[in-house]
Amino acid sequence: MGFSGTTLAQSAAQAASSKTASPPVVLVVGDSLSAEYGLKRGTGWVTLLEQRLGKEKVRAQIVNASISGDTTSGGRSRLPALLKQHQPAVVVIELGGNDALRGLPLGMTRDNLGHMARISREAGARVLLLGMEMPPNYGAKYGQEFREVFSGVAHTEKAALVPFFLKGVGDLKDPTQLFQADRIHPNEAAQPIMRDNVWPALRKLLPR
């Protein structure tokens, strides 16, 4: 069966359009852990992740909308405008740690994360939630409840989950070796580990 000239022209135009279309956006909404707090610019895990995309020849663009000190409430208020502006294919949510450090109710953290995941999905994006854990001095019960906030939201909102974003960094026998002097923020040596914790889960959400 032959094709008309019009059909061939349309096909060529569509092919050209697909080649020149903007790459899918990965939107990272996080706090100081993703905003290169205390680090030399360009050494944080988000930048390293962008470099990995290039190395693996994955066609995607990273937009880092992280703000040091941000909470889930702050992320929730910022997210609608970010979704509208960037129209991401994937939203990575790295928030919640500051909620716990400030003693905010876990129910509020859960609600905020759930809302962010939900509106991201409704905007057509896949969601990756980066789970956090609290130090042992917060108590086993609180630590378990905090951990379950992330797993619960991921299950309810059908989001992908990295159970512990700081695995291999914050769970060492001597965690101070991979933290800055404040013992809160990971140092430059920790950033590749953090990137590697995120990469496998993120790769599954990106077009091949």
Protein backbone atom coordinates (compact mmCIF):
# COMPACT_ATOMS: atom_id res chain seq x y z
CA MET A 1 0.00 0.00 0.00
CA GLY A 2 1.44 3.39 -1.02
CA PHE A 3 1.48 6.69 0.88
CA SER A 4 0.41 10.04 -0.43
CA GLY A 5 2.84 12.92 -0.56
CA THR A 6 0.91 14.66 2.18
CA THR A 7 1.25 11.66 4.48
CA LEU A 8 4.97 11.40 3.84
CA ALA A 9 5.42 15.09 4.53
CA GLN A 10 3.47 14.79 7.76
CA SER A 11 5.54 11.81 8.83
CA ALA A 12 8.78 13.67 8.13
CA ALA A 13 7.54 16.69 10.07
CA GLN A 14 6.57 14.53 13.03
CA ALA A 15 9.94 12.81 13.02
CA ALA A 16 11.75 16.13 12.94
CA SER A 17 9.56 17.43 15.73
CA SER A 18 10.32 14.43 17.94
CA LYS A 19 14.05 14.96 17.47
CA THR A 20 13.89 18.63 18.40
CA ALA A 21 11.39 18.29 21.25
CA SER A 22 12.66 19.24 24.68
CA PRO A 23 13.94 16.32 26.75
CA PRO A 24 11.71 15.12 29.61
CA VAL A 25 12.21 17.04 32.84
CA VAL A 26 13.12 15.49 36.19
CA LEU A 27 12.04 17.94 38.87
CA VAL A 28 13.81 17.60 42.24
CA VAL A 29 11.97 19.24 45.13
CA GLY A 30 14.09 18.98 48.24
CA ASP A 31 15.84 20.70 51.12
CA SER A 32 19.50 21.34 52.00
CA LEU A 33 20.43 17.72 51.24
CA SER A 34 19.69 18.44 47.59
CA ALA A 35 20.59 22.14 47.51
CA GLU A 36 24.38 21.70 47.91
CA TYR A 37 24.39 23.23 51.39
CA GLY A 38 27.99 23.72 52.51
CA LEU A 39 29.33 22.19 49.32
CA LYS A 40 31.26 23.57 46.38
CA ARG A 41 28.85 24.34 43.53
CA GLY A 42 28.49 21.47 41.15
CA THR A 43 29.48 18.72 43.61
CA GLY A 44 26.05 17.82 45.01
CA TRP A 45 24.25 14.57 44.26
CA VAL A 46 21.74 16.25 41.91
CA THR A 47 24.53 17.58 39.67
CA LEU A 48 26.23 14.17 39.79
CA LEU A 49 22.92 12.61 38.79
CA GLU A 50 22.71 14.92 35.79
CA GLN A 51 26.21 13.85 34.79
CA ARG A 52 25.14 10.21 35.09
CA LEU A 53 22.26 10.86 32.71
CA GLY A 54 24.74 12.14 30.15
CA LYS A 55 27.12 9.24 30.67
CA GLU A 56 24.31 6.72 30.26
CA LYS A 57 22.97 8.68 27.26
CA VAL A 58 19.58 9.06 28.93
CA ARG A 59 17.68 11.92 27.36
CA ALA A 60 16.41 13.94 30.32
CA GLN A 61 16.90 17.33 31.93
CA ILE A 62 17.27 17.92 35.67
CA VAL A 63 15.59 20.92 37.31
CA ASN A 64 16.74 21.30 40.92
CA ALA A 65 14.11 23.26 42.84
CA SER A 66 15.53 22.46 46.28
CA ILE A 67 15.78 25.06 49.05
CA SER A 68 17.84 24.71 52.22
CA GLY A 69 15.65 24.54 55.31
CA ASP A 70 12.50 23.64 53.39
CA THR A 71 9.78 21.50 54.96
CA THR A 72 7.02 19.45 53.41
CA SER A 73 4.69 22.43 53.94
CA GLY A 74 7.04 24.63 51.95
CA GLY A 75 7.33 22.05 49.20
CA ARG A 76 3.57 21.65 49.08
CA SER A 77 3.06 25.39 48.62
CA ARG A 78 5.75 25.67 45.92
CA LEU A 79 4.92 22.57 43.91
CA PRO A 80 1.83 23.68 41.91
CA ALA A 81 3.74 26.55 40.28
CA LEU A 82 6.74 24.29 39.61
CA LEU A 83 4.54 21.69 37.93
CA LYS A 84 2.96 24.34 35.74
CA GLN A 85 6.29 25.91 34.80
CA HIS A 86 8.36 22.78 34.10
CA GLN A 87 5.74 20.14 33.22
CA PRO A 88 8.01 17.37 34.52
CA ALA A 89 7.93 13.73 33.50
CA VAL A 90 9.26 12.73 36.93
CA VAL A 91 9.06 14.49 40.30
CA VAL A 92 11.62 13.52 42.93
CA ILE A 93 10.47 14.52 46.43
CA GLU A 94 13.25 14.80 49.02
CA LEU A 95 11.55 16.42 52.00
CA GLY A 96 10.57 15.51 55.54
CA GLY A 97 13.82 15.62 57.47
CA ASN A 98 13.33 19.22 58.59
CA ASP A 99 9.78 18.41 59.68
CA ALA A 100 11.16 15.88 62.15
CA LEU A 101 14.01 18.12 63.31
CA ARG A 102 11.44 20.83 64.10
CA GLY A 103 9.15 18.42 65.90
CA LEU A 104 6.27 18.88 63.47
CA PRO A 105 3.42 16.34 63.62
CA LEU A 106 4.02 13.22 61.56
CA GLY A 107 0.41 13.35 60.37
CA MET A 108 1.09 16.72 58.78
CA THR A 109 4.23 15.43 57.09
CA ARG A 110 2.32 12.44 55.75
CA ASP A 111 -0.51 14.62 54.45
CA ASN A 112 1.87 17.04 52.74
CA LEU A 113 3.90 14.33 51.06
CA GLY A 114 0.75 12.55 49.95
CA HIS A 115 -0.67 15.74 48.49
CA MET A 116 2.57 16.46 46.60
CA ALA A 117 2.67 12.96 45.16
CA ARG A 118 -0.99 13.11 44.18
CA ILE A 119 -0.91 16.45 42.36
CA SER A 120 2.31 15.41 40.61
CA ARG A 121 0.60 12.28 39.28
CA GLU A 122 -2.46 14.30 38.29
CA ALA A 123 -0.12 16.58 36.32
CA GLY A 124 1.12 13.54 34.38
CA ALA A 125 4.39 12.96 36.25
CA ARG A 126 5.77 9.82 37.81
CA VAL A 127 6.82 10.27 41.44
CA LEU A 128 9.94 9.13 43.30
CA LEU A 129 9.91 9.60 47.07
CA LEU A 130 13.24 9.66 48.93
CA GLY A 131 12.74 8.18 52.38
CA MET A 132 14.57 9.40 55.46
CA GLU A 133 15.34 7.94 58.86
CA MET A 134 15.98 9.63 62.18
CA PRO A 135 19.02 9.09 64.45
CA PRO A 136 18.61 6.51 67.25
CA ASN A 137 18.43 9.23 69.92
CA TYR A 138 14.91 10.08 68.67
CA GLY A 139 13.75 6.73 70.01
CA ALA A 140 12.87 3.46 68.27
CA LYS A 141 9.12 4.12 68.24
CA TYR A 142 9.40 7.55 66.65
CA GLY A 143 12.00 6.28 64.21
CA GLN A 144 9.71 3.49 63.04
CA GLU A 145 6.71 5.83 62.71
CA PHE A 146 8.78 8.34 60.74
CA ARG A 147 10.05 5.61 58.41
CA GLU A 148 6.50 4.42 57.83
CA VAL A 149 5.40 7.89 56.71
CA PHE A 150 7.40 7.44 53.50
CA SER A 151 6.52 3.82 52.83
CA GLY A 152 2.85 4.54 53.55
CA VAL A 153 2.68 7.51 51.18
CA ALA A 154 4.53 5.58 48.46
CA HIS A 155 2.04 2.72 48.76
CA THR A 156 -1.08 4.89 48.88
CA GLU A 157 -0.03 7.24 46.07
CA LYS A 158 1.61 4.56 43.89
CA ALA A 159 4.96 6.35 44.03
CA ALA A 160 8.39 4.78 43.66
CA LEU A 161 10.42 4.79 46.86
CA VAL A 162 14.05 4.89 47.91
CA PRO A 163 13.58 3.57 51.48
CA PHE A 164 16.58 5.41 52.96
CA PHE A 165 18.12 8.19 50.91
CA LEU A 166 21.24 8.32 53.15
CA LYS A 167 21.92 4.58 53.15
CA GLY A 168 25.68 4.08 53.32
CA VAL A 169 26.08 7.61 54.68
CA GLY A 170 23.97 8.08 57.79
CA ASP A 171 24.01 4.47 58.98
CA LEU A 172 27.76 3.92 59.33
CA LYS A 173 29.36 3.02 62.66
CA ASP A 174 31.15 6.36 62.46
CA PRO A 175 28.78 8.50 60.37
CA THR A 176 30.81 11.64 61.08
CA GLN A 177 33.31 10.67 58.38
CA LEU A 178 30.77 11.46 55.64
CA PHE A 179 29.25 14.56 57.24
CA GLN A 180 30.24 18.17 57.44
CA ALA A 181 31.31 19.68 60.76
CA ASP A 182 27.67 20.30 61.73
CA ARG A 183 27.08 16.51 61.67
CA ILE A 184 23.80 17.14 59.84
CA HIS A 185 24.75 17.71 56.21
CA PRO A 186 26.64 15.11 54.16
CA ASN A 187 30.02 16.17 52.83
CA GLU A 188 31.31 16.04 49.28
CA ALA A 189 32.53 12.44 49.61
CA ALA A 190 28.97 11.34 50.45
CA GLN A 191 27.37 12.80 47.33
CA PRO A 192 28.20 9.95 44.89
CA ILE A 193 26.71 7.48 47.39
CA MET A 194 23.51 9.52 47.59
CA ARG A 195 23.33 9.70 43.80
CA ASP A 196 23.80 5.95 43.54
CA ASN A 197 21.00 5.40 46.05
CA VAL A 198 18.63 7.36 43.80
CA TRP A 199 19.78 6.31 40.33
CA PRO A 200 18.37 2.75 40.04
CA ALA A 201 14.87 3.81 41.11
CA LEU A 202 14.93 6.92 38.94
CA ARG A 203 16.17 5.07 35.86
CA LYS A 204 13.10 2.84 35.93
CA LEU A 205 10.85 5.90 35.68
CA LEU A 206 12.60 7.47 32.70
CA PRO A 207 11.87 6.69 29.04
CA ARG A 208 14.33 4.30 27.43
